[in-house]
PDB file of all heavy atoms in Angstrom:
ATOM      1  N   PRO A   1      61.369 251.541  26.205  1.00  0.00           N
ATOM      2  CA  PRO A   1      61.193 251.517  27.636  1.00  0.00           C
ATOM      3  C   PRO A   1      60.550 252.813  28.225  1.00  0.00           C
ATOM      4  O   PRO A   1      59.862 252.743  29.248  1.00  0.00           O
ATOM      5  CB  PRO A   1      62.651 251.473  28.192  1.00  0.00           C
ATOM      6  CG  PRO A   1      63.507 251.885  27.032  1.00  0.00           C
ATOM      7  CD  PRO A   1      62.798 251.527  25.824  1.00  0.00           C
ATOM      8  N   ASP A   2      60.644 253.866  27.507  1.00  0.00           N
ATOM      9  CA  ASP A   2      60.077 255.142  27.935  1.00  0.00           C
ATOM     10  C   ASP A   2      58.537 255.269  27.668  1.00  0.00           C
ATOM     11  O   ASP A   2      57.870 256.047  28.363  1.00  0.00           O
ATOM     12  CB  ASP A   2      60.736 256.375  27.316  1.00  0.00           C
ATOM     13  CG  ASP A   2      62.233 256.430  27.682  1.00  0.00           C
ATOM     14  OD1 ASP A   2      62.597 256.028  28.787  1.00  0.00           O
ATOM     15  OD2 ASP A   2      63.070 256.883  26.848  1.00  0.00           O
ATOM     16  N   ASP A   3      58.044 254.562  26.704  1.00  0.00           N
ATOM     17  CA  ASP A   3      56.600 254.632  26.401  1.00  0.00           C
ATOM     18  C   ASP A   3      55.862 253.267  26.685  1.00  0.00           C
ATOM     19  O   ASP A   3      54.728 253.115  26.416  1.00  0.00           O
ATOM     20  CB  ASP A   3      56.347 255.022  24.985  1.00  0.00           C
ATOM     21  CG  ASP A   3      57.160 254.194  23.982  1.00  0.00           C
ATOM     22  OD1 ASP A   3      57.785 253.217  24.345  1.00  0.00           O
ATOM     23  OD2 ASP A   3      57.120 254.574  22.754  1.00  0.00           O
ATOM     24  N   LEU A   4      56.591 252.401  27.333  1.00  0.00           N
ATOM     25  CA  LEU A   4      55.982 251.063  27.594  1.00  0.00           C
ATOM     26  C   LEU A   4      54.697 251.200  28.527  1.00  0.00           C
ATOM     27  O   LEU A   4      53.741 250.513  28.351  1.00  0.00           O
ATOM     28  CB  LEU A   4      56.950 250.118  28.260  1.00  0.00           C
ATOM     29  CG  LEU A   4      56.446 248.755  28.754  1.00  0.00           C
ATOM     30  CD1 LEU A   4      56.021 247.908  27.583  1.00  0.00           C
ATOM     31  CD2 LEU A   4      57.434 248.029  29.595  1.00  0.00           C
ATOM     32  N   GLU A   5      54.790 252.198  29.441  1.00  0.00           N
ATOM     33  CA  GLU A   5      53.622 252.385  30.349  1.00  0.00           C
ATOM     34  C   GLU A   5      52.306 252.701  29.675  1.00  0.00           C
ATOM     35  O   GLU A   5      51.268 252.338  30.105  1.00  0.00           O
ATOM     36  CB  GLU A   5      53.923 253.511  31.390  1.00  0.00           C
ATOM     37  CG  GLU A   5      54.222 254.824  30.759  1.00  0.00           C
ATOM     38  CD  GLU A   5      54.734 255.860  31.746  1.00  0.00           C
ATOM     39  OE1 GLU A   5      55.317 255.480  32.766  1.00  0.00           O
ATOM     40  OE2 GLU A   5      54.502 257.060  31.456  1.00  0.00           O
ATOM     41  N   GLN A   6      52.397 253.286  28.423  1.00  0.00           N
ATOM     42  CA  GLN A   6      51.241 253.647  27.687  1.00  0.00           C
ATOM     43  C   GLN A   6      50.599 252.392  27.103  1.00  0.00           C
ATOM     44  O   GLN A   6      49.415 252.404  26.670  1.00  0.00           O
ATOM     45  CB  GLN A   6      51.554 254.629  26.597  1.00  0.00           C
ATOM     46  CG  GLN A   6      52.028 256.001  27.093  1.00  0.00           C
ATOM     47  CD  GLN A   6      50.882 256.697  27.742  1.00  0.00           C
ATOM     48  OE1 GLN A   6      49.710 256.464  27.475  1.00  0.00           O
ATOM     49  NE2 GLN A   6      51.228 257.700  28.626  1.00  0.00           N
ATOM     50  N   ALA A   7      51.340 251.285  27.021  1.00  0.00           N
ATOM     51  CA  ALA A   7      50.780 250.033  26.443  1.00  0.00           C
ATOM     52  C   ALA A   7      50.094 249.185  27.514  1.00  0.00           C
ATOM     53  O   ALA A   7      49.631 248.072  27.168  1.00  0.00           O
ATOM     54  CB  ALA A   7      51.929 249.213  25.842  1.00  0.00           C
ATOM     55  N   TYR A   8      50.045 249.678  28.741  1.00  0.00           N
ATOM     56  CA  TYR A   8      49.271 249.062  29.789  1.00  0.00           C
ATOM     57  C   TYR A   8      48.038 249.901  30.085  1.00  0.00           C
ATOM     58  O   TYR A   8      48.115 250.959  30.848  1.00  0.00           O
ATOM     59  CB  TYR A   8      50.146 248.919  31.098  1.00  0.00           C
ATOM     60  CG  TYR A   8      51.096 247.799  31.065  1.00  0.00           C
ATOM     61  CD1 TYR A   8      52.258 247.880  30.253  1.00  0.00           C
ATOM     62  CD2 TYR A   8      50.912 246.612  31.817  1.00  0.00           C
ATOM     63  CE1 TYR A   8      53.228 246.850  30.261  1.00  0.00           C
ATOM     64  CE2 TYR A   8      51.819 245.581  31.781  1.00  0.00           C
ATOM     65  CZ  TYR A   8      52.997 245.674  30.983  1.00  0.00           C
ATOM     66  OH  TYR A   8      53.892 244.660  30.937  1.00  0.00           O
ATOM     67  N   PRO A   9      46.899 249.630  29.534  1.00  0.00           N
ATOM     68  CA  PRO A   9      45.737 250.553  29.504  1.00  0.00           C
ATOM     69  C   PRO A   9      45.272 250.842  30.988  1.00  0.00           C
ATOM     70  O   PRO A   9      44.781 251.959  31.279  1.00  0.00           O
ATOM     71  CB  PRO A   9      44.624 249.795  28.774  1.00  0.00           C
ATOM     72  CG  PRO A   9      45.072 248.358  28.737  1.00  0.00           C
ATOM     73  CD  PRO A   9      46.555 248.329  28.685  1.00  0.00           C
ATOM     74  N   GLU A  10      45.452 249.878  31.917  1.00  0.00           N
ATOM     75  CA  GLU A  10      45.002 250.111  33.269  1.00  0.00           C
ATOM     76  C   GLU A  10      45.896 251.090  34.056  1.00  0.00           C
ATOM     77  O   GLU A  10      45.523 251.543  35.138  1.00  0.00           O
ATOM     78  CB  GLU A  10      44.896 248.789  34.042  1.00  0.00           C
ATOM     79  CG  GLU A  10      46.241 248.130  34.400  1.00  0.00           C
ATOM     80  CD  GLU A  10      46.796 247.287  33.359  1.00  0.00           C
ATOM     81  OE1 GLU A  10      46.641 247.601  32.200  1.00  0.00           O
ATOM     82  OE2 GLU A  10      47.403 246.238  33.729  1.00  0.00           O
ATOM     83  N   PHE A  11      47.104 251.396  33.472  1.00  0.00           N
ATOM     84  CA  PHE A  11      47.965 252.375  34.111  1.00  0.00           C
ATOM     85  C   PHE A  11      47.543 253.824  33.798  1.00  0.00           C
ATOM     86  O   PHE A  11      47.833 254.676  34.614  1.00  0.00           O
ATOM     87  CB  PHE A  11      49.422 252.226  33.599  1.00  0.00           C
ATOM     88  CG  PHE A  11      50.107 250.991  34.049  1.00  0.00           C
ATOM     89  CD1 PHE A  11      49.514 249.938  34.779  1.00  0.00           C
ATOM     90  CD2 PHE A  11      51.472 250.780  33.782  1.00  0.00           C
ATOM     91  CE1 PHE A  11      50.184 248.831  35.188  1.00  0.00           C
ATOM     92  CE2 PHE A  11      52.131 249.616  34.171  1.00  0.00           C
ATOM     93  CZ  PHE A  11      51.507 248.617  34.860  1.00  0.00           C
ATOM     94  N   ARG A  12      46.877 254.038  32.767  1.00  0.00           N
ATOM     95  CA  ARG A  12      46.674 255.431  32.233  1.00  0.00           C
ATOM     96  C   ARG A  12      45.959 256.350  33.238  1.00  0.00           C
ATOM     97  O   ARG A  12      46.357 257.520  33.350  1.00  0.00           O
ATOM     98  CB  ARG A  12      45.917 255.401  30.905  1.00  0.00           C
ATOM     99  CG  ARG A  12      46.765 254.703  29.789  1.00  0.00           C
ATOM    100  CD  ARG A  12      45.935 254.555  28.529  1.00  0.00           C
ATOM    101  NE  ARG A  12      46.641 253.692  27.608  1.00  0.00           N
ATOM    102  CZ  ARG A  12      46.067 252.970  26.665  1.00  0.00           C
ATOM    103  NH1 ARG A  12      44.721 253.039  26.533  1.00  0.00           N
ATOM    104  NH2 ARG A  12      46.794 252.265  25.891  1.00  0.00           N
ATOM    105  N   PRO A  13      45.011 255.861  34.030  1.00  0.00           N
ATOM    106  CA  PRO A  13      44.317 256.849  34.979  1.00  0.00           C
ATOM    107  C   PRO A  13      45.310 257.331  36.041  1.00  0.00           C
ATOM    108  O   PRO A  13      45.028 258.391  36.688  1.00  0.00           O
ATOM    109  CB  PRO A  13      43.224 255.978  35.605  1.00  0.00           C
ATOM    110  CG  PRO A  13      42.962 254.940  34.653  1.00  0.00           C
ATOM    111  CD  PRO A  13      44.251 254.585  34.006  1.00  0.00           C
ATOM    112  N   PHE A  14      46.431 256.608  36.243  1.00  0.00           N
ATOM    113  CA  PHE A  14      47.404 257.017  37.276  1.00  0.00           C
ATOM    114  C   PHE A  14      48.658 257.705  36.790  1.00  0.00           C
ATOM    115  O   PHE A  14      49.395 258.298  37.647  1.00  0.00           O
ATOM    116  CB  PHE A  14      47.737 255.750  38.070  1.00  0.00           C
ATOM    117  CG  PHE A  14      46.611 254.984  38.567  1.00  0.00           C
ATOM    118  CD1 PHE A  14      46.199 253.859  37.811  1.00  0.00           C
ATOM    119  CD2 PHE A  14      45.828 255.329  39.655  1.00  0.00           C
ATOM    120  CE1 PHE A  14      45.113 253.093  38.297  1.00  0.00           C
ATOM    121  CE2 PHE A  14      44.723 254.646  40.035  1.00  0.00           C
ATOM    122  CZ  PHE A  14      44.313 253.466  39.363  1.00  0.00           C
ATOM    123  N   LEU A  15      48.838 257.731  35.467  1.00  0.00           N
ATOM    124  CA  LEU A  15      49.984 258.406  34.932  1.00  0.00           C
ATOM    125  C   LEU A  15      49.901 259.878  35.072  1.00  0.00           C
ATOM    126  O   LEU A  15      48.790 260.476  34.883  1.00  0.00           O
ATOM    127  CB  LEU A  15      50.180 258.029  33.507  1.00  0.00           C
ATOM    128  CG  LEU A  15      50.370 256.503  33.172  1.00  0.00           C
ATOM    129  CD1 LEU A  15      50.503 256.199  31.668  1.00  0.00           C
ATOM    130  CD2 LEU A  15      51.606 255.912  33.950  1.00  0.00           C
ATOM    131  N   GLY A  16      51.036 260.520  35.425  1.00  0.00           N
ATOM    132  CA  GLY A  16      51.015 261.983  35.717  1.00  0.00           C
ATOM    133  C   GLY A  16      50.584 262.346  37.058  1.00  0.00           C
ATOM    134  O   GLY A  16      50.513 263.579  37.339  1.00  0.00           O
ATOM    135  N   ARG A  17      50.262 261.411  37.903  1.00  0.00           N
ATOM    136  CA  ARG A  17      49.750 261.744  39.238  1.00  0.00           C
ATOM    137  C   ARG A  17      50.859 261.398  40.296  1.00  0.00           C
ATOM    138  O   ARG A  17      50.594 261.472  41.469  1.00  0.00           O
ATOM    139  CB  ARG A  17      48.487 260.938  39.559  1.00  0.00           C
ATOM    140  CG  ARG A  17      47.283 261.412  38.630  1.00  0.00           C
ATOM    141  CD  ARG A  17      46.092 260.507  38.785  1.00  0.00           C
ATOM    142  NE  ARG A  17      45.659 260.336  40.194  1.00  0.00           N
ATOM    143  CZ  ARG A  17      44.702 259.493  40.558  1.00  0.00           C
ATOM    144  NH1 ARG A  17      44.024 258.825  39.568  1.00  0.00           N
ATOM    145  NH2 ARG A  17      44.311 259.446  41.746  1.00  0.00           N
ATOM    146  N   CYS A  18      52.029 261.016  39.899  1.00  0.00           N
ATOM    147  CA  CYS A  18      53.119 260.719  40.856  1.00  0.00           C
ATOM    148  C   CYS A  18      53.644 261.997  41.413  1.00  0.00           C
ATOM    149  O   CYS A  18      53.598 263.059  40.784  1.00  0.00           O
ATOM    150  CB  CYS A  18      54.206 259.853  40.186  1.00  0.00           C
ATOM    151  SG  CYS A  18      53.709 258.266  39.488  1.00  0.00           S
ATOM    152  N   ARG A  19      54.349 261.867  42.585  1.00  0.00           N
ATOM    153  CA  ARG A  19      54.909 263.050  43.181  1.00  0.00           C
ATOM    154  C   ARG A  19      56.012 263.697  42.291  1.00  0.00           C
ATOM    155  O   ARG A  19      56.089 264.891  42.191  1.00  0.00           O
ATOM    156  CB  ARG A  19      55.538 262.666  44.533  1.00  0.00           C
ATOM    157  CG  ARG A  19      56.187 263.886  45.318  1.00  0.00           C
ATOM    158  CD  ARG A  19      56.846 263.400  46.615  1.00  0.00           C
ATOM    159  NE  ARG A  19      55.943 262.754  47.518  1.00  0.00           N
ATOM    160  CZ  ARG A  19      56.304 262.124  48.601  1.00  0.00           C
ATOM    161  NH1 ARG A  19      57.579 262.215  48.984  1.00  0.00           N
ATOM    162  NH2 ARG A  19      55.405 261.515  49.384  1.00  0.00           N
ATOM    163  N   PHE A  20      56.807 262.778  41.596  1.00  0.00           N
ATOM    164  CA  PHE A  20      57.800 263.293  40.824  1.00  0.00           C
ATOM    165  C   PHE A  20      57.449 263.145  39.336  1.00  0.00           C
ATOM    166  O   PHE A  20      57.015 262.061  38.909  1.00  0.00           O
ATOM    167  CB  PHE A  20      59.183 262.595  41.106  1.00  0.00           C
ATOM    168  CG  PHE A  20      59.622 262.675  42.520  1.00  0.00           C
ATOM    169  CD1 PHE A  20      59.466 261.667  43.440  1.00  0.00           C
ATOM    170  CD2 PHE A  20      60.104 263.900  42.979  1.00  0.00           C
ATOM    171  CE1 PHE A  20      59.821 261.781  44.723  1.00  0.00           C
ATOM    172  CE2 PHE A  20      60.520 264.071  44.333  1.00  0.00           C
ATOM    173  CZ  PHE A  20      60.282 262.995  45.186  1.00  0.00           C
ATOM    174  N   GLY A  21      57.746 264.185  38.492  1.00  0.00           N
ATOM    175  CA  GLY A  21      57.426 264.065  37.133  1.00  0.00           C
ATOM    176  C   GLY A  21      58.141 263.070  36.331  1.00  0.00           C
ATOM    177  O   GLY A  21      57.645 262.536  35.300  1.00  0.00           O
ATOM    178  N   ASP A  22      59.340 262.717  36.759  1.00  0.00           N
ATOM    179  CA  ASP A  22      60.166 261.726  36.092  1.00  0.00           C
ATOM    180  C   ASP A  22      60.136 260.365  36.795  1.00  0.00           C
ATOM    181  O   ASP A  22      61.058 259.513  36.701  1.00  0.00           O
ATOM    182  CB  ASP A  22      61.566 262.183  35.946  1.00  0.00           C
ATOM    183  CG  ASP A  22      62.242 262.444  37.306  1.00  0.00           C
ATOM    184  OD1 ASP A  22      61.591 262.441  38.273  1.00  0.00           O
ATOM    185  OD2 ASP A  22      63.492 262.680  37.257  1.00  0.00           O
ATOM    186  N   CYS A  23      59.002 260.106  37.468  1.00  0.00           N
ATOM    187  CA  CYS A  23      58.902 258.873  38.295  1.00  0.00           C
ATOM    188  C   CYS A  23      59.066 257.673  37.397  1.00  0.00           C
ATOM    189  O   CYS A  23      58.448 257.530  36.329  1.00  0.00           O
ATOM    190  CB  CYS A  23      57.533 258.827  39.053  1.00  0.00           C
ATOM    191  SG  CYS A  23      57.324 257.395  40.083  1.00  0.00           S
ATOM    192  N   ARG A  24      59.854 256.659  37.857  1.00  0.00           N
ATOM    193  CA  ARG A  24      60.038 255.399  37.111  1.00  0.00           C
ATOM    194  C   ARG A  24      59.151 254.313  37.633  1.00  0.00           C
ATOM    195  O   ARG A  24      59.210 253.205  37.127  1.00  0.00           O
ATOM    196  CB  ARG A  24      61.539 254.990  37.211  1.00  0.00           C
ATOM    197  CG  ARG A  24      62.530 255.968  36.644  1.00  0.00           C
ATOM    198  CD  ARG A  24      62.334 256.208  35.132  1.00  0.00           C
ATOM    199  NE  ARG A  24      62.751 254.970  34.466  1.00  0.00           N
ATOM    200  CZ  ARG A  24      62.591 254.806  33.103  1.00  0.00           C
ATOM    201  NH1 ARG A  24      61.869 255.701  32.470  1.00  0.00           N
ATOM    202  NH2 ARG A  24      62.955 253.706  32.496  1.00  0.00           N
ATOM    203  N   HIS A  25      58.326 254.654  38.635  1.00  0.00           N
ATOM    204  CA  HIS A  25      57.364 253.719  39.185  1.00  0.00           C
ATOM    205  C   HIS A  25      57.972 252.432  39.796  1.00  0.00           C
ATOM    206  O   HIS A  25      57.462 251.376  39.764  1.00  0.00           O
ATOM    207  CB  HIS A  25      56.314 253.260  38.157  1.00  0.00           C
ATOM    208  CG  HIS A  25      55.868 254.361  37.227  1.00  0.00           C
ATOM    209  ND1 HIS A  25      55.286 255.489  37.764  1.00  0.00           N
ATOM    210  CD2 HIS A  25      55.866 254.545  35.884  1.00  0.00           C
ATOM    211  CE1 HIS A  25      54.866 256.345  36.795  1.00  0.00           C
ATOM    212  NE2 HIS A  25      55.315 255.779  35.662  1.00  0.00           N
ATOM    213  N   ASP A  26      59.209 252.671  40.317  1.00  0.00           N
ATOM    214  CA  ASP A  26      59.941 251.577  40.917  1.00  0.00           C
ATOM    215  C   ASP A  26      59.999 251.677  42.400  1.00  0.00           C
ATOM    216  O   ASP A  26      59.240 251.007  43.094  1.00  0.00           O
ATOM    217  CB  ASP A  26      61.333 251.497  40.312  1.00  0.00           C
ATOM    218  CG  ASP A  26      62.032 250.166  40.566  1.00  0.00           C
ATOM    219  OD1 ASP A  26      61.552 249.368  41.334  1.00  0.00           O
ATOM    220  OD2 ASP A  26      63.172 249.971  40.081  1.00  0.00           O
ATOM    221  N   ARG A  27      60.965 252.578  42.932  1.00  0.00           N
ATOM    222  CA  ARG A  27      61.071 252.723  44.333  1.00  0.00           C
ATOM    223  C   ARG A  27      60.798 254.105  44.851  1.00  0.00           C
ATOM    224  O   ARG A  27      60.980 254.443  46.004  1.00  0.00           O
ATOM    225  CB  ARG A  27      62.420 252.244  44.869  1.00  0.00           C
ATOM    226  CG  ARG A  27      62.731 250.734  44.508  1.00  0.00           C
ATOM    227  CD  ARG A  27      64.127 250.393  44.959  1.00  0.00           C
ATOM    228  NE  ARG A  27      64.458 249.003  44.714  1.00  0.00           N
ATOM    229  CZ  ARG A  27      64.891 248.491  43.578  1.00  0.00           C
ATOM    230  NH1 ARG A  27      65.023 249.307  42.520  1.00  0.00           N
ATOM    231  NH2 ARG A  27      65.058 247.202  43.565  1.00  0.00           N
ATOM    232  N   GLU A  28      60.378 254.973  43.930  1.00  0.00           N
ATOM    233  CA  GLU A  28      60.212 256.396  44.274  1.00  0.00           C
ATOM    234  C   GLU A  28      59.025 256.561  45.235  1.00  0.00           C
ATOM    235  O   GLU A  28      58.033 255.907  45.083  1.00  0.00           O
ATOM    236  CB  GLU A  28      59.967 257.204  43.083  1.00  0.00           C
ATOM    237  CG  GLU A  28      61.137 257.254  42.006  1.00  0.00           C
ATOM    238  CD  GLU A  28      61.030 256.115  40.993  1.00  0.00           C
ATOM    239  OE1 GLU A  28      60.261 255.132  41.278  1.00  0.00           O
ATOM    240  OE2 GLU A  28      61.641 256.187  39.951  1.00  0.00           O
ATOM    241  N   PRO A  29      59.168 257.406  46.172  1.00  0.00           N
ATOM    242  CA  PRO A  29      58.060 257.754  47.085  1.00  0.00           C
ATOM    243  C   PRO A  29      56.959 258.538  46.340  1.00  0.00           C
ATOM    244  O   PRO A  29      57.278 259.283  45.403  1.00  0.00           O
ATOM    245  CB  PRO A  29      58.670 258.594  48.213  1.00  0.00           C
ATOM    246  CG  PRO A  29      59.815 259.248  47.564  1.00  0.00           C
ATOM    247  CD  PRO A  29      60.403 258.196  46.592  1.00  0.00           C
ATOM    248  N   GLY A  30      55.715 258.416  46.766  1.00  0.00           N
ATOM    249  CA  GLY A  30      54.623 259.148  46.132  1.00  0.00           C
ATOM    250  C   GLY A  30      54.284 258.679  44.730  1.00  0.00           C
ATOM    251  O   GLY A  30      53.686 259.444  43.926  1.00  0.00           O
ATOM    252  N   CYS A  31      54.579 257.383  44.449  1.00  0.00           N
ATOM    253  CA  CYS A  31      54.283 256.867  43.046  1.00  0.00           C
ATOM    254  C   CYS A  31      52.815 256.390  43.041  1.00  0.00           C
ATOM    255  O   CYS A  31      52.368 255.583  43.775  1.00  0.00           O
ATOM    256  CB  CYS A  31      55.217 255.691  42.742  1.00  0.00           C
ATOM    257  SG  CYS A  31      54.805 254.825  41.185  1.00  0.00           S
ATOM    258  N   ALA A  32      52.039 257.046  42.118  1.00  0.00           N
ATOM    259  CA  ALA A  32      50.628 256.661  42.006  1.00  0.00           C
ATOM    260  C   ALA A  32      50.406 255.274  41.543  1.00  0.00           C
ATOM    261  O   ALA A  32      49.449 254.618  41.974  1.00  0.00           O
ATOM    262  CB  ALA A  32      49.945 257.643  41.053  1.00  0.00           C
ATOM    263  N   LEU A  33      51.331 254.727  40.668  1.00  0.00           N
ATOM    264  CA  LEU A  33      51.183 253.374  40.241  1.00  0.00           C
ATOM    265  C   LEU A  33      51.447 252.349  41.323  1.00  0.00           C
ATOM    266  O   LEU A  33      50.738 251.343  41.427  1.00  0.00           O
ATOM    267  CB  LEU A  33      52.066 253.097  39.048  1.00  0.00           C
ATOM    268  CG  LEU A  33      51.540 253.273  37.623  1.00  0.00           C
ATOM    269  CD1 LEU A  33      52.577 252.923  36.566  1.00  0.00           C
ATOM    270  CD2 LEU A  33      50.273 252.343  37.459  1.00  0.00           C
ATOM    271  N   GLN A  34      52.429 252.605  42.161  1.00  0.00           N
ATOM    272  CA  GLN A  34      52.720 251.792  43.303  1.00  0.00           C
ATOM    273  C   GLN A  34      51.504 251.728  44.264  1.00  0.00           C
ATOM    274  O   GLN A  34      51.097 250.641  44.733  1.00  0.00           O
ATOM    275  CB  GLN A  34      53.928 252.161  43.965  1.00  0.00           C
ATOM    276  CG  GLN A  34      55.276 252.068  43.213  1.00  0.00           C
ATOM    277  CD  GLN A  34      56.435 252.444  44.003  1.00  0.00           C
ATOM    278  OE1 GLN A  34      56.647 252.097  45.168  1.00  0.00           O
ATOM    279  NE2 GLN A  34      57.259 253.298  43.453  1.00  0.00           N
ATOM    280  N   GLU A  35      50.924 252.887  44.498  1.00  0.00           N
ATOM    281  CA  GLU A  35      49.765 252.924  45.348  1.00  0.00           C
ATOM    282  C   GLU A  35      48.600 252.229  44.794  1.00  0.00           C
ATOM    283  O   GLU A  35      47.854 251.554  45.447  1.00  0.00           O
ATOM    284  CB  GLU A  35      49.383 254.428  45.621  1.00  0.00           C
ATOM    285  CG  GLU A  35      48.185 254.608  46.565  1.00  0.00           C
ATOM    286  CD  GLU A  35      48.334 253.919  47.905  1.00  0.00           C
ATOM    287  OE1 GLU A  35      49.461 253.850  48.446  1.00  0.00           O
ATOM    288  OE2 GLU A  35      47.287 253.392  48.344  1.00  0.00           O
ATOM    289  N   ALA A  36      48.367 252.390  43.480  1.00  0.00           N
ATOM    290  CA  ALA A  36      47.273 251.684  42.757  1.00  0.00           C
ATOM    291  C   ALA A  36      47.441 250.158  42.851  1.00  0.00           C
ATOM    292  O   ALA A  36      46.463 249.407  43.017  1.00  0.00           O
ATOM    293  CB  ALA A  36      47.183 252.097  41.353  1.00  0.00           C
ATOM    294  N   THR A  37      48.729 249.704  42.814  1.00  0.00           N
ATOM    295  CA  THR A  37      48.927 248.277  42.983  1.00  0.00           C
ATOM    296  C   THR A  37      48.688 247.787  44.388  1.00  0.00           C
ATOM    297  O   THR A  37      48.075 246.721  44.599  1.00  0.00           O
ATOM    298  CB  THR A  37      50.455 247.940  42.614  1.00  0.00           C
ATOM    299  OG1 THR A  37      50.688 248.466  41.280  1.00  0.00           O
ATOM    300  CG2 THR A  37      50.727 246.474  42.656  1.00  0.00           C
ATOM    301  N   ARG A  38      49.089 248.606  45.338  1.00  0.00           N
ATOM    302  CA  ARG A  38      48.841 248.220  46.793  1.00  0.00           C
ATOM    303  C   ARG A  38      47.321 248.141  47.040  1.00  0.00           C
ATOM    304  O   ARG A  38      46.816 247.277  47.856  1.00  0.00           O
ATOM    305  CB  ARG A  38      49.457 249.170  47.716  1.00  0.00           C
ATOM    306  CG  ARG A  38      51.033 248.958  47.769  1.00  0.00           C
ATOM    307  CD  ARG A  38      51.589 249.769  48.972  1.00  0.00           C
ATOM    308  NE  ARG A  38      51.607 251.217  48.692  1.00  0.00           N
ATOM    309  CZ  ARG A  38      52.606 251.823  48.113  1.00  0.00           C
ATOM    310  NH1 ARG A  38      53.714 251.180  47.769  1.00  0.00           N
ATOM    311  NH2 ARG A  38      52.503 253.206  47.891  1.00  0.00           N
TER     312      ARG A  38
END
């Protein structure tokens, strides 16, 4: 579960760009993946 995001190649440009370093990309504010989805 901790490295699953690396198996989605389109996620990689946005990883590490979230407001929180331990972002789970679920409901956290400032999530770069959520913004990329929107």
